[in-house]
Amino acid sequence: TYSDYTRDPSALYAAKRQAIEEMLDLDSAPQVIVQTNPLERSTVAADCAIDVHGWAEPGTSIRINRQKTPVAPDGLFMQQVSAAREGAIVVEAQSEKGRKTIVRKFTLVRETAPPPPSSPKP
């Protein structure tokens, strides 16, 4: 949606860096493009679902955080996952041409328990 944007320079530079890294990485097999929503390096709740979607050259199998992920005949895939304890999502791609691991990192915010209520003073 059009409300899903930011003008935060650090987020914009992170997205630019990610796009450049992905373009350079397309030279090695298997060819894979991975996007996340929210963007990598975002701050998310520890139990938040993160959309991971992308494209892999046909015939490539994809695992996201060790879960086999369905890949359409045209190479498109999508999965909702939670980041691992350390805030990472690991995408593993494997085909006859090779194997590749792509890591997306997030800052996790863990909910802390509220302090116990204090006893009333007489």
PDB file of N, CA and C in Angstrom:
ATOM      1  N   THR A   1       0.836  -1.181   0.000  1.00  0.00           N
ATOM      2  CA  THR A   1       0.000   0.000   0.000  1.00  0.00           C
ATOM      3  C   THR A   1       0.882   1.246   0.000  1.00  0.00           C
ATOM      4  N   TYR A   2       0.269   2.360  -0.298  1.00  0.00           N
ATOM      5  CA  TYR A   2       1.032   3.601  -0.338  1.00  0.00           C
ATOM      6  C   TYR A   2       1.341   4.130   1.060  1.00  0.00           C
ATOM      7  N   SER A   3       0.665   3.610   2.078  1.00  0.00           N
ATOM      8  CA  SER A   3       0.961   4.050   3.443  1.00  0.00           C
ATOM      9  C   SER A   3       2.114   3.254   4.037  1.00  0.00           C
ATOM     10  N   ASP A   4       2.635   2.297   3.289  1.00  0.00           N
ATOM     11  CA  ASP A   4       3.700   1.406   3.755  1.00  0.00           C
ATOM     12  C   ASP A   4       5.062   1.925   3.293  1.00  0.00           C
ATOM     13  N   TYR A   5       5.443   3.118   3.720  1.00  0.00           N
ATOM     14  CA  TYR A   5       6.709   3.684   3.271  1.00  0.00           C
ATOM     15  C   TYR A   5       7.379   4.428   4.423  1.00  0.00           C
ATOM     16  N   THR A   6       8.623   4.797   4.200  1.00  0.00           N
ATOM     17  CA  THR A   6       9.354   5.568   5.199  1.00  0.00           C
ATOM     18  C   THR A   6      10.265   6.559   4.497  1.00  0.00           C
ATOM     19  N   ARG A   7      10.601   7.606   5.203  1.00  0.00           N
ATOM     20  CA  ARG A   7      11.590   8.568   4.716  1.00  0.00           C
ATOM     21  C   ARG A   7      12.829   8.539   5.591  1.00  0.00           C
ATOM     22  N   ASP A   8      12.902   7.549   6.464  1.00  0.00           N
ATOM     23  CA  ASP A   8      14.041   7.399   7.366  1.00  0.00           C
ATOM     24  C   ASP A   8      15.286   7.070   6.545  1.00  0.00           C
ATOM     25  N   PRO A   9      16.306   7.939   6.564  1.00  0.00           N
ATOM     26  CA  PRO A   9      17.502   7.702   5.749  1.00  0.00           C
ATOM     27  C   PRO A   9      18.167   6.355   6.020  1.00  0.00           C
ATOM     28  N   SER A  10      18.213   5.918   7.267  1.00  0.00           N
ATOM     29  CA  SER A  10      18.870   4.634   7.548  1.00  0.00           C
ATOM     30  C   SER A  10      18.110   3.480   6.909  1.00  0.00           C
ATOM     31  N   ALA A  11      16.778   3.542   6.906  1.00  0.00           N
ATOM     32  CA  ALA A  11      15.987   2.491   6.261  1.00  0.00           C
ATOM     33  C   ALA A  11      16.172   2.529   4.747  1.00  0.00           C
ATOM     34  N   LEU A  12      16.235   3.736   4.180  1.00  0.00           N
ATOM     35  CA  LEU A  12      16.417   3.859   2.732  1.00  0.00           C
ATOM     36  C   LEU A  12      17.793   3.362   2.296  1.00  0.00           C
ATOM     37  N   TYR A  13      18.836   3.717   3.058  1.00  0.00           N
ATOM     38  CA  TYR A  13      20.178   3.222   2.732  1.00  0.00           C
ATOM     39  C   TYR A  13      20.265   1.712   2.901  1.00  0.00           C
ATOM     40  N   ALA A  14      19.586   1.167   3.906  1.00  0.00           N
ATOM     41  CA  ALA A  14      19.587  -0.286   4.109  1.00  0.00           C
ATOM     42  C   ALA A  14      18.918  -0.986   2.928  1.00  0.00           C
ATOM     43  N   ALA A  15      17.803  -0.435   2.446  1.00  0.00           N
ATOM     44  CA  ALA A  15      17.115  -1.025   1.296  1.00  0.00           C
ATOM     45  C   ALA A  15      17.987  -0.934   0.043  1.00  0.00           C
ATOM     46  N   LYS A  16      18.662   0.186  -0.126  1.00  0.00           N
ATOM     47  CA  LYS A  16      19.554   0.365  -1.279  1.00  0.00           C
ATOM     48  C   LYS A  16      20.706  -0.633  -1.222  1.00  0.00           C
ATOM     49  N   ARG A  17      21.316  -0.780  -0.047  1.00  0.00           N
ATOM     50  CA  ARG A  17      22.424  -1.721   0.136  1.00  0.00           C
ATOM     51  C   ARG A  17      21.963  -3.160  -0.149  1.00  0.00           C
ATOM     52  N   GLN A  18      20.767  -3.495   0.344  1.00  0.00           N
ATOM     53  CA  GLN A  18      20.230  -4.833   0.123  1.00  0.00           C
ATOM     54  C   GLN A  18      20.009  -5.085  -1.367  1.00  0.00           C
ATOM     55  N   ALA A  19      19.463  -4.110  -2.084  1.00  0.00           N
ATOM     56  CA  ALA A  19      19.222  -4.273  -3.521  1.00  0.00           C
ATOM     57  C   ALA A  19      20.533  -4.455  -4.281  1.00  0.00           C
ATOM     58  N   ILE A  20      21.550  -3.683  -3.934  1.00  0.00           N
ATOM     59  CA  ILE A  20      22.852  -3.805  -4.611  1.00  0.00           C
ATOM     60  C   ILE A  20      23.474  -5.170  -4.333  1.00  0.00           C
ATOM     61  N   GLU A  21      23.420  -5.612  -3.065  1.00  0.00           N
ATOM     62  CA  GLU A  21      23.979  -6.926  -2.722  1.00  0.00           C
ATOM     63  C   GLU A  21      23.275  -8.037  -3.486  1.00  0.00           C
ATOM     64  N   GLU A  22      21.941  -7.934  -3.611  1.00  0.00           N
ATOM     65  CA  GLU A  22      21.191  -8.957  -4.348  1.00  0.00           C
ATOM     66  C   GLU A  22      21.560  -8.961  -5.824  1.00  0.00           C
ATOM     67  N   MET A  23      21.746  -7.793  -6.419  1.00  0.00           N
ATOM     68  CA  MET A  23      22.120  -7.746  -7.837  1.00  0.00           C
ATOM     69  C   MET A  23      23.489  -8.374  -8.060  1.00  0.00           C
ATOM     70  N   LEU A  24      24.438  -8.073  -7.186  1.00  0.00           N
ATOM     71  CA  LEU A  24      25.772  -8.665  -7.315  1.00  0.00           C
ATOM     72  C   LEU A  24      25.731 -10.172  -7.091  1.00  0.00           C
ATOM     73  N   ASP A  25      24.854 -10.613  -6.196  1.00  0.00           N
ATOM     74  CA  ASP A  25      24.756 -12.029  -5.861  1.00  0.00           C
ATOM     75  C   ASP A  25      24.086 -12.846  -6.969  1.00  0.00           C
ATOM     76  N   LEU A  26      23.408 -12.187  -7.906  1.00  0.00           N
ATOM     77  CA  LEU A  26      22.742 -12.913  -8.989  1.00  0.00           C
ATOM     78  C   LEU A  26      23.732 -13.595  -9.928  1.00  0.00           C
ATOM     79  N   ASP A  27      25.015 -13.234  -9.847  1.00  0.00           N
ATOM     80  CA  ASP A  27      26.023 -13.875 -10.694  1.00  0.00           C
ATOM     81  C   ASP A  27      26.326 -15.304 -10.263  1.00  0.00           C
ATOM     82  N   SER A  28      25.986 -15.665  -9.022  1.00  0.00           N
ATOM     83  CA  SER A  28      26.265 -17.030  -8.555  1.00  0.00           C
ATOM     84  C   SER A  28      24.970 -17.838  -8.508  1.00  0.00           C
ATOM     85  N   ALA A  29      25.091 -19.135  -8.775  1.00  0.00           N
ATOM     86  CA  ALA A  29      23.926 -20.018  -8.819  1.00  0.00           C
ATOM     87  C   ALA A  29      23.665 -20.603  -7.441  1.00  0.00           C
ATOM     88  N   PRO A  30      22.410 -20.891  -7.155  1.00  0.00           N
ATOM     89  CA  PRO A  30      21.208 -20.581  -7.934  1.00  0.00           C
ATOM     90  C   PRO A  30      20.826 -19.107  -7.785  1.00  0.00           C
ATOM     91  N   GLN A  31      20.204 -18.586  -8.816  1.00  0.00           N
ATOM     92  CA  GLN A  31      19.787 -17.190  -8.768  1.00  0.00           C
ATOM     93  C   GLN A  31      18.557 -17.071  -7.870  1.00  0.00           C
ATOM     94  N   VAL A  32      18.638 -16.182  -6.881  1.00  0.00           N
ATOM     95  CA  VAL A  32      17.555 -16.008  -5.908  1.00  0.00           C
ATOM     96  C   VAL A  32      17.447 -14.533  -5.545  1.00  0.00           C
ATOM     97  N   ILE A  33      16.213 -14.052  -5.451  1.00  0.00           N
ATOM     98  CA  ILE A  33      15.937 -12.710  -4.943  1.00  0.00           C
ATOM     99  C   ILE A  33      15.009 -12.882  -3.751  1.00  0.00           C
ATOM    100  N   VAL A  34      15.356 -12.266  -2.620  1.00  0.00           N
ATOM    101  CA  VAL A  34      14.563 -12.385  -1.393  1.00  0.00           C
ATOM    102  C   VAL A  34      14.189 -10.995  -0.901  1.00  0.00           C
ATOM    103  N   GLN A  35      12.919 -10.800  -0.620  1.00  0.00           N
ATOM    104  CA  GLN A  35      12.417  -9.553  -0.045  1.00  0.00           C
ATOM    105  C   GLN A  35      11.693  -9.887   1.261  1.00  0.00           C
ATOM    106  N   THR A  36      11.672  -8.951   2.179  1.00  0.00           N
ATOM    107  CA  THR A  36      10.924  -9.144   3.417  1.00  0.00           C
ATOM    108  C   THR A  36      10.050  -7.929   3.673  1.00  0.00           C
ATOM    109  N   ASN A  37       8.956  -8.173   4.363  1.00  0.00           N
ATOM    110  CA  ASN A  37       8.098  -7.094   4.821  1.00  0.00           C
ATOM    111  C   ASN A  37       7.775  -7.376   6.270  1.00  0.00           C
ATOM    112  N   PRO A  38       8.295  -6.579   7.193  1.00  0.00           N
ATOM    113  CA  PRO A  38       9.036  -5.345   7.028  1.00  0.00           C
ATOM    114  C   PRO A  38      10.446  -5.572   6.484  1.00  0.00           C
ATOM    115  N   LEU A  39      11.093  -4.483   6.093  1.00  0.00           N
ATOM    116  CA  LEU A  39      12.441  -4.554   5.531  1.00  0.00           C
ATOM    117  C   LEU A  39      13.454  -5.057   6.548  1.00  0.00           C
ATOM    118  N   GLU A  40      14.519  -5.649   6.019  1.00  0.00           N
ATOM    119  CA  GLU A  40      15.624  -6.086   6.866  1.00  0.00           C
ATOM    120  C   GLU A  40      16.105  -4.912   7.716  1.00  0.00           C
ATOM    121  N   ARG A  41      16.578  -5.217   8.903  1.00  0.00           N
ATOM    122  CA  ARG A  41      17.084  -4.270   9.907  1.00  0.00           C
ATOM    123  C   ARG A  41      15.980  -3.469  10.583  1.00  0.00           C
ATOM    124  N   SER A  42      14.714  -3.825  10.314  1.00  0.00           N
ATOM    125  CA  SER A  42      13.609  -3.175  11.009  1.00  0.00           C
ATOM    126  C   SER A  42      13.531  -3.705  12.432  1.00  0.00           C
ATOM    127  N   THR A  43      12.905  -2.934  13.294  1.00  0.00           N
ATOM    128  CA  THR A  43      12.639  -3.379  14.661  1.00  0.00           C
ATOM    129  C   THR A  43      11.250  -3.991  14.680  1.00  0.00           C
ATOM    130  N   VAL A  44      11.154  -5.241  15.151  1.00  0.00           N
ATOM    131  CA  VAL A  44       9.881  -5.961  15.167  1.00  0.00           C
ATOM    132  C   VAL A  44       9.691  -6.643  16.517  1.00  0.00           C
ATOM    133  N   ALA A  45       8.441  -6.941  16.847  1.00  0.00           N
ATOM    134  CA  ALA A  45       8.148  -7.708  18.058  1.00  0.00           C
ATOM    135  C   ALA A  45       8.688  -9.118  17.872  1.00  0.00           C
ATOM    136  N   ALA A  46       9.144  -9.718  18.944  1.00  0.00           N
ATOM    137  CA  ALA A  46       9.777 -11.038  18.867  1.00  0.00           C
ATOM    138  C   ALA A  46       8.856 -12.098  18.278  1.00  0.00           C
ATOM    139  N   ASP A  47       7.552 -11.971  18.485  1.00  0.00           N
ATOM    140  CA  ASP A  47       6.616 -12.976  17.969  1.00  0.00           C
ATOM    141  C   ASP A  47       5.915 -12.524  16.692  1.00  0.00           C
ATOM    142  N   CYS A  48       6.398 -11.474  16.074  1.00  0.00           N
ATOM    143  CA  CYS A  48       5.813 -10.902  14.864  1.00  0.00           C
ATOM    144  C   CYS A  48       6.040 -11.809  13.650  1.00  0.00           C
ATOM    145  N   ALA A  49       5.010 -11.956  12.810  1.00  0.00           N
ATOM    146  CA  ALA A  49       5.169 -12.700  11.559  1.00  0.00           C
ATOM    147  C   ALA A  49       5.784 -11.767  10.515  1.00  0.00           C
ATOM    148  N   ILE A  50       6.780 -12.273   9.811  1.00  0.00           N
ATOM    149  CA  ILE A  50       7.463 -11.505   8.772  1.00  0.00           C
ATOM    150  C   ILE A  50       7.196 -12.185   7.434  1.00  0.00           C
ATOM    151  N   ASP A  51       6.753 -11.405   6.443  1.00  0.00           N
ATOM    152  CA  ASP A  51       6.533 -11.944   5.103  1.00  0.00           C
ATOM    153  C   ASP A  51       7.875 -12.064   4.401  1.00  0.00           C
ATOM    154  N   VAL A  52       8.177 -13.260   3.927  1.00  0.00           N
ATOM    155  CA  VAL A  52       9.388 -13.497   3.137  1.00  0.00           C
ATOM    156  C   VAL A  52       8.905 -13.956   1.769  1.00  0.00           C
ATOM    157  N   HIS A  53       9.267 -13.228   0.729  1.00  0.00           N
ATOM    158  CA  HIS A  53       8.840 -13.601  -0.617  1.00  0.00           C
ATOM    159  C   HIS A  53       9.964 -13.310  -1.597  1.00  0.00           C
ATOM    160  N   GLY A  54       9.856 -13.933  -2.746  1.00  0.00           N
ATOM    161  CA  GLY A  54      10.900 -13.697  -3.730  1.00  0.00           C
ATOM    162  C   GLY A  54      10.780 -14.597  -4.934  1.00  0.00           C
ATOM    163  N   TRP A  55      11.893 -14.720  -5.619  1.00  0.00           N
ATOM    164  CA  TRP A  55      11.975 -15.503  -6.852  1.00  0.00           C
ATOM    165  C   TRP A  55      13.265 -16.309  -6.830  1.00  0.00           C
ATOM    166  N   ALA A  56      13.165 -17.533  -7.326  1.00  0.00           N
ATOM    167  CA  ALA A  56      14.344 -18.382  -7.502  1.00  0.00           C
ATOM    168  C   ALA A  56      14.254 -19.004  -8.884  1.00  0.00           C
ATOM    169  N   GLU A  57      15.418 -19.230  -9.494  1.00  0.00           N
ATOM    170  CA  GLU A  57      15.349 -19.835 -10.821  1.00  0.00           C
ATOM    171  C   GLU A  57      14.634 -21.180 -10.708  1.00  0.00           C
ATOM    172  N   PRO A  58      13.782 -21.501 -11.702  1.00  0.00           N
ATOM    173  CA  PRO A  58      13.011 -22.735 -11.653  1.00  0.00           C
ATOM    174  C   PRO A  58      13.894 -23.953 -11.370  1.00  0.00           C
ATOM    175  N   GLY A  59      13.342 -24.868 -10.551  1.00  0.00           N
ATOM    176  CA  GLY A  59      14.079 -26.063 -10.167  1.00  0.00           C
ATOM    177  C   GLY A  59      14.837 -25.902  -8.861  1.00  0.00           C
ATOM    178  N   THR A  60      14.741 -24.726  -8.249  1.00  0.00           N
ATOM    179  CA  THR A  60      15.435 -24.464  -6.985  1.00  0.00           C
ATOM    180  C   THR A  60      14.504 -24.784  -5.822  1.00  0.00           C
ATOM    181  N   SER A  61      15.021 -25.472  -4.814  1.00  0.00           N
ATOM    182  CA  SER A  61      14.234 -25.699  -3.600  1.00  0.00           C
ATOM    183  C   SER A  61      14.625 -24.634  -2.579  1.00  0.00           C
ATOM    184  N   ILE A  62      13.637 -24.190  -1.817  1.00  0.00           N
ATOM    185  CA  ILE A  62      13.830 -23.111  -0.844  1.00  0.00           C
ATOM    186  C   ILE A  62      13.427 -23.603   0.544  1.00  0.00           C
ATOM    187  N   ARG A  63      14.269 -23.282   1.525  1.00  0.00           N
ATOM    188  CA  ARG A  63      13.942 -23.499   2.936  1.00  0.00           C
ATOM    189  C   ARG A  63      14.106 -22.155   3.639  1.00  0.00           C
ATOM    190  N   ILE A  64      13.109 -21.801   4.443  1.00  0.00           N
ATOM    191  CA  ILE A  64      13.176 -20.574   5.223  1.00  0.00           C
ATOM    192  C   ILE A  64      13.127 -20.972   6.692  1.00  0.00           C
ATOM    193  N   ASN A  65      14.181 -20.632   7.423  1.00  0.00           N
ATOM    194  CA  ASN A  65      14.325 -21.067   8.820  1.00  0.00           C
ATOM    195  C   ASN A  65      14.081 -22.572   8.945  1.00  0.00           C
ATOM    196  N   ARG A  66      14.699 -23.313   8.029  1.00  0.00           N
ATOM    197  CA  ARG A  66      14.669 -24.786   7.982  1.00  0.00           C
ATOM    198  C   ARG A  66      13.320 -25.376   7.580  1.00  0.00           C
ATOM    199  N   GLN A  67      12.346 -24.533   7.227  1.00  0.00           N
ATOM    200  CA  GLN A  67      11.044 -25.020   6.767  1.00  0.00           C
ATOM    201  C   GLN A  67      11.027 -25.044   5.249  1.00  0.00           C
ATOM    202  N   LYS A  68      10.659 -26.201   4.687  1.00  0.00           N
ATOM    203  CA  LYS A  68      10.535 -26.293   3.236  1.00  0.00           C
ATOM    204  C   LYS A  68       9.432 -25.343   2.795  1.00  0.00           C
ATOM    205  N   THR A  69       9.736 -24.539   1.795  1.00  0.00           N
ATOM    206  CA  THR A  69       8.807 -23.520   1.313  1.00  0.00           C
ATOM    207  C   THR A  69       8.401 -23.849  -0.114  1.00  0.00           C
ATOM    208  N   PRO A  70       7.091 -23.865  -0.405  1.00  0.00           N
ATOM    209  CA  PRO A  70       6.652 -24.156  -1.772  1.00  0.00           C
ATOM    210  C   PRO A  70       7.164 -23.106  -2.762  1.00  0.00           C
ATOM    211  N   VAL A  71       7.614 -23.582  -3.915  1.00  0.00           N
ATOM    212  CA  VAL A  71       8.086 -22.704  -4.987  1.00  0.00           C
ATOM    213  C   VAL A  71       7.222 -22.978  -6.218  1.00  0.00           C
ATOM    214  N   ALA A  72       6.610 -21.935  -6.762  1.00  0.00           N
ATOM    215  CA  ALA A  72       5.763 -22.080  -7.949  1.00  0.00           C
ATOM    216  C   ALA A  72       6.623 -22.444  -9.161  1.00  0.00           C
ATOM    217  N   PRO A  73       6.007 -23.004 -10.210  1.00  0.00           N
ATOM    218  CA  PRO A  73       6.773 -23.369 -11.407  1.00  0.00           C
ATOM    219  C   PRO A  73       7.567 -22.204 -12.012  1.00  0.00           C
ATOM    220  N   ASP A  74       7.070 -20.967 -11.826  1.00  0.00           N
ATOM    221  CA  ASP A  74       7.799 -19.807 -12.362  1.00  0.00           C
ATOM    222  C   ASP A  74       8.866 -19.289 -11.395  1.00  0.00           C
ATOM    223  N   GLY A  75       9.021 -19.950 -10.224  1.00  0.00           N
ATOM    224  CA  GLY A  75      10.070 -19.589  -9.276  1.00  0.00           C
ATOM    225  C   GLY A  75       9.639 -18.696  -8.129  1.00  0.00           C
ATOM    226  N   LEU A  76       8.385 -18.249  -8.116  1.00  0.00           N
ATOM    227  CA  LEU A  76       7.925 -17.369  -7.042  1.00  0.00           C
ATOM    228  C   LEU A  76       7.665 -18.158  -5.758  1.00  0.00           C
ATOM    229  N   PHE A  77       7.966 -17.547  -4.620  1.00  0.00           N
ATOM    230  CA  PHE A  77       7.683 -18.180  -3.328  1.00  0.00           C
ATOM    231  C   PHE A  77       7.301 -17.120  -2.306  1.00  0.00           C
ATOM    232  N   MET A  78       6.546 -17.558  -1.277  1.00  0.00           N
ATOM    233  CA  MET A  78       6.162 -16.669  -0.182  1.00  0.00           C
ATOM    234  C   MET A  78       5.891 -17.502   1.048  1.00  0.00           C
ATOM    235  N   GLN A  79       6.328 -16.997   2.195  1.00  0.00           N
ATOM    236  CA  GLN A  79       6.120 -17.696   3.459  1.00  0.00           C
ATOM    237  C   GLN A  79       6.095 -16.656   4.571  1.00  0.00           C
ATOM    238  N   GLN A  80       5.264 -16.869   5.572  1.00  0.00           N
ATOM    239  CA  GLN A  80       5.291 -16.027   6.770  1.00  0.00           C
ATOM    240  C   GLN A  80       6.031 -16.783   7.851  1.00  0.00           C
ATOM    241  N   VAL A  81       7.022 -16.142   8.453  1.00  0.00           N
ATOM    242  CA  VAL A  81       7.818 -16.777   9.504  1.00  0.00           C
ATOM    243  C   VAL A  81       8.108 -15.753  10.599  1.00  0.00           C
ATOM    244  N   SER A  82       8.545 -16.265  11.735  1.00  0.00           N
ATOM    245  CA  SER A  82       9.047 -15.402  12.807  1.00  0.00           C
ATOM    246  C   SER A  82      10.558 -15.450  12.755  1.00  0.00           C
ATOM    247  N   ALA A  83      11.182 -14.372  13.128  1.00  0.00           N
ATOM    248  CA  ALA A  83      12.645 -14.364  13.178  1.00  0.00           C
ATOM    249  C   ALA A  83      13.110 -15.296  14.296  1.00  0.00           C
ATOM    250  N   ALA A  84      14.268 -15.901  14.102  1.00  0.00           N
ATOM    251  CA  ALA A  84      14.838 -16.773  15.128  1.00  0.00           C
ATOM    252  C   ALA A  84      15.202 -15.938  16.351  1.00  0.00           C
ATOM    253  N   ARG A  85      15.562 -16.607  17.411  1.00  0.00           N
ATOM    254  CA  ARG A  85      15.863 -15.944  18.685  1.00  0.00           C
ATOM    255  C   ARG A  85      16.859 -14.790  18.534  1.00  0.00           C
ATOM    256  N   GLU A  86      17.851 -14.954  17.658  1.00  0.00           N
ATOM    257  CA  GLU A  86      18.861 -13.904  17.475  1.00  0.00           C
ATOM    258  C   GLU A  86      18.426 -12.840  16.465  1.00  0.00           C
ATOM    259  N   GLY A  87      17.188 -12.928  15.954  1.00  0.00           N
ATOM    260  CA  GLY A  87      16.670 -11.910  15.049  1.00  0.00           C
ATOM    261  C   GLY A  87      16.971 -12.141  13.585  1.00  0.00           C
ATOM    262  N   ALA A  88      17.294 -13.371  13.210  1.00  0.00           N
ATOM    263  CA  ALA A  88      17.658 -13.654  11.818  1.00  0.00           C
ATOM    264  C   ALA A  88      16.616 -14.538  11.140  1.00  0.00           C
ATOM    265  N   ILE A  89      16.465 -14.320   9.846  1.00  0.00           N
ATOM    266  CA  ILE A  89      15.710 -15.228   8.984  1.00  0.00           C
ATOM    267  C   ILE A  89      16.716 -15.767   7.987  1.00  0.00           C
ATOM    268  N   VAL A  90      16.799 -17.094   7.894  1.00  0.00           N
ATOM    269  CA  VAL A  90      17.777 -17.744   7.024  1.00  0.00           C
ATOM    270  C   VAL A  90      17.039 -18.401   5.865  1.00  0.00           C
ATOM    271  N   VAL A  91      17.383 -17.987   4.648  1.00  0.00           N
ATOM    272  CA  VAL A  91      16.803 -18.559   3.430  1.00  0.00           C
ATOM    273  C   VAL A  91      17.888 -19.398   2.766  1.00  0.00           C
ATOM    274  N   GLU A  92      17.605 -20.695   2.603  1.00  0.00           N
ATOM    275  CA  GLU A  92      18.550 -21.604   1.950  1.00  0.00           C
ATOM    276  C   GLU A  92      17.972 -22.004   0.599  1.00  0.00           C
ATOM    277  N   ALA A  93      18.754 -21.833  -0.443  1.00  0.00           N
ATOM    278  CA  ALA A  93      18.344 -22.193  -1.797  1.00  0.00           C
ATOM    279  C   ALA A  93      19.297 -23.255  -2.325  1.00  0.00           C
ATOM    280  N   GLN A  94      18.720 -24.283  -2.955  1.00  0.00           N
ATOM    281  CA  GLN A  94      19.556 -25.349  -3.507  1.00  0.00           C
ATOM    282  C   GLN A  94      18.982 -25.806  -4.842  1.00  0.00           C
ATOM    283  N   SER A  95      19.889 -25.950  -5.802  1.00  0.00           N
ATOM    284  CA  SER A  95      19.518 -26.475  -7.115  1.00  0.00           C
ATOM    285  C   SER A  95      20.659 -27.344  -7.611  1.00  0.00           C
ATOM    286  N   GLU A  96      20.501 -27.893  -8.803  1.00  0.00           N
ATOM    287  CA  GLU A  96      21.578 -28.691  -9.401  1.00  0.00           C
ATOM    288  C   GLU A  96      22.820 -27.838  -9.645  1.00  0.00           C
ATOM    289  N   LYS A  97      22.628 -26.523  -9.784  1.00  0.00           N
ATOM    290  CA  LYS A  97      23.738 -25.618 -10.096  1.00  0.00           C
ATOM    291  C   LYS A  97      24.526 -25.179  -8.870  1.00  0.00           C
ATOM    292  N   GLY A  98      23.943 -25.339  -7.676  1.00  0.00           N
ATOM    293  CA  GLY A  98      24.660 -24.910  -6.477  1.00  0.00           C
ATOM    294  C   GLY A  98      23.755 -24.701  -5.291  1.00  0.00           C
ATOM    295  N   ARG A  99      24.343 -24.120  -4.264  1.00  0.00           N
ATOM    296  CA  ARG A  99      23.641 -23.879  -3.006  1.00  0.00           C
ATOM    297  C   ARG A  99      23.971 -22.466  -2.530  1.00  0.00           C
ATOM    298  N   LYS A 100      22.989 -21.801  -1.927  1.00  0.00           N
ATOM    299  CA  LYS A 100      23.184 -20.426  -1.474  1.00  0.00           C
ATOM    300  C   LYS A 100      22.402 -20.215  -0.180  1.00  0.00           C
ATOM    301  N   THR A 101      22.977 -19.444   0.736  1.00  0.00           N
ATOM    302  CA  THR A 101      22.303 -19.072   1.977  1.00  0.00           C
ATOM    303  C   THR A 101      22.231 -17.553   2.050  1.00  0.00           C
ATOM    304  N   ILE A 102      21.030 -17.048   2.297  1.00  0.00           N
ATOM    305  CA  ILE A 102      20.791 -15.612   2.406  1.00  0.00           C
ATOM    306  C   ILE A 102      20.231 -15.356   3.803  1.00  0.00           C
ATOM    307  N   VAL A 103      20.798 -14.386   4.508  1.00  0.00           N
ATOM    308  CA  VAL A 103      20.358 -14.083   5.871  1.00  0.00           C
ATOM    309  C   VAL A 103      19.813 -12.660   5.917  1.00  0.00           C
ATOM    310  N   ARG A 104      18.639 -12.513   6.505  1.00  0.00           N
ATOM    311  CA  ARG A 104      18.048 -11.197   6.746  1.00  0.00           C
ATOM    312  C   ARG A 104      17.966 -11.012   8.257  1.00  0.00           C
ATOM    313  N   LYS A 105      18.437  -9.868   8.753  1.00  0.00           N
ATOM    314  CA  LYS A 105      18.490  -9.633  10.199  1.00  0.00           C
ATOM    315  C   LYS A 105      17.517  -8.541  10.627  1.00  0.00           C
ATOM    316  N   PHE A 106      16.944  -8.749  11.812  1.00  0.00           N
ATOM    317  CA  PHE A 106      15.979  -7.829  12.395  1.00  0.00           C
ATOM    318  C   PHE A 106      16.343  -7.566  13.849  1.00  0.00           C
ATOM    319  N   THR A 107      15.908  -6.431  14.359  1.00  0.00           N
ATOM    320  CA  THR A 107      16.072  -6.137  15.779  1.00  0.00           C
ATOM    321  C   THR A 107      14.780  -6.543  16.467  1.00  0.00           C
ATOM    322  N   LEU A 108      14.889  -7.463  17.412  1.00  0.00           N
ATOM    323  CA  LEU A 108      13.702  -7.968  18.098  1.00  0.00           C
ATOM    324  C   LEU A 108      13.452  -7.206  19.389  1.00  0.00           C
ATOM    325  N   VAL A 109      12.192  -6.915  19.635  1.00  0.00           N
ATOM    326  CA  VAL A 109      11.772  -6.303  20.891  1.00  0.00           C
ATOM    327  C   VAL A 109      10.961  -7.347  21.631  1.00  0.00           C
ATOM    328  N   ARG A 110      11.434  -7.711  22.791  1.00  0.00           N
ATOM    329  CA  ARG A 110      10.729  -8.705  23.604  1.00  0.00           C
ATOM    330  C   ARG A 110       9.896  -7.977  24.652  1.00  0.00           C
ATOM    331  N   GLU A 111       8.670  -8.428  24.786  1.00  0.00           N
ATOM    332  CA  GLU A 111       7.782  -7.815  25.763  1.00  0.00           C
ATOM    333  C   GLU A 111       8.230  -8.214  27.162  1.00  0.00           C
ATOM    334  N   THR A 112       8.359  -7.243  28.016  1.00  0.00           N
ATOM    335  CA  THR A 112       8.744  -7.545  29.394  1.00  0.00           C
ATOM    336  C   THR A 112       7.501  -7.564  30.263  1.00  0.00           C
ATOM    337  N   ALA A 113       7.525  -8.395  31.275  1.00  0.00           N
ATOM    338  CA  ALA A 113       6.384  -8.503  32.180  1.00  0.00           C
ATOM    339  C   ALA A 113       6.259  -7.217  32.992  1.00  0.00           C
ATOM    340  N   PRO A 114       5.025  -6.773  33.219  1.00  0.00           N
ATOM    341  CA  PRO A 114       4.859  -5.562  34.024  1.00  0.00           C
ATOM    342  C   PRO A 114       5.258  -5.852  35.470  1.00  0.00           C
ATOM    343  N   PRO A 115       5.693  -4.843  36.198  1.00  0.00           N
ATOM    344  CA  PRO A 115       6.077  -5.074  37.591  1.00  0.00           C
ATOM    345  C   PRO A 115       4.857  -5.476  38.411  1.00  0.00           C
ATOM    346  N   PRO A 116       5.063  -6.274  39.451  1.00  0.00           N
ATOM    347  CA  PRO A 116       3.916  -6.679  40.273  1.00  0.00           C
ATOM    348  C   PRO A 116       3.310  -5.457  40.957  1.00  0.00           C
ATOM    349  N   PRO A 117       1.993  -5.501  41.178  1.00  0.00           N
ATOM    350  CA  PRO A 117       1.363  -4.345  41.819  1.00  0.00           C
ATOM    351  C   PRO A 117       1.892  -4.187  43.245  1.00  0.00           C
ATOM    352  N   SER A 118       2.068  -2.956  43.638  1.00  0.00           N
ATOM    353  CA  SER A 118       2.554  -2.717  45.002  1.00  0.00           C
ATOM    354  C   SER A 118       1.383  -2.804  45.972  1.00  0.00           C
ATOM    355  N   SER A 119       1.685  -3.222  47.176  1.00  0.00           N
ATOM    356  CA  SER A 119       0.618  -3.341  48.173  1.00  0.00           C
ATOM    357  C   SER A 119       0.235  -1.943  48.653  1.00  0.00           C
ATOM    358  N   PRO A 120      -1.051  -1.745  48.896  1.00  0.00           N
ATOM    359  CA  PRO A 120      -1.497  -0.412  49.334  1.00  0.00           C
ATOM    360  C   PRO A 120      -0.927  -0.079  50.709  1.00  0.00           C
ATOM    361  N   LYS A 121      -0.617   1.177  50.907  1.00  0.00           N
ATOM    362  CA  LYS A 121      -0.092   1.632  52.199  1.00  0.00           C
ATOM    363  C   LYS A 121      -1.257   1.964  53.128  1.00  0.00           C
ATOM    364  N   PRO A 122      -1.130   1.555  54.412  1.00  0.00           N
ATOM    365  CA  PRO A 122      -2.236   1.845  55.360  1.00  0.00           C
ATOM    366  C   PRO A 122      -2.346   3.303  55.700  1.00  0.00           C
TER     367      PRO A 122
END
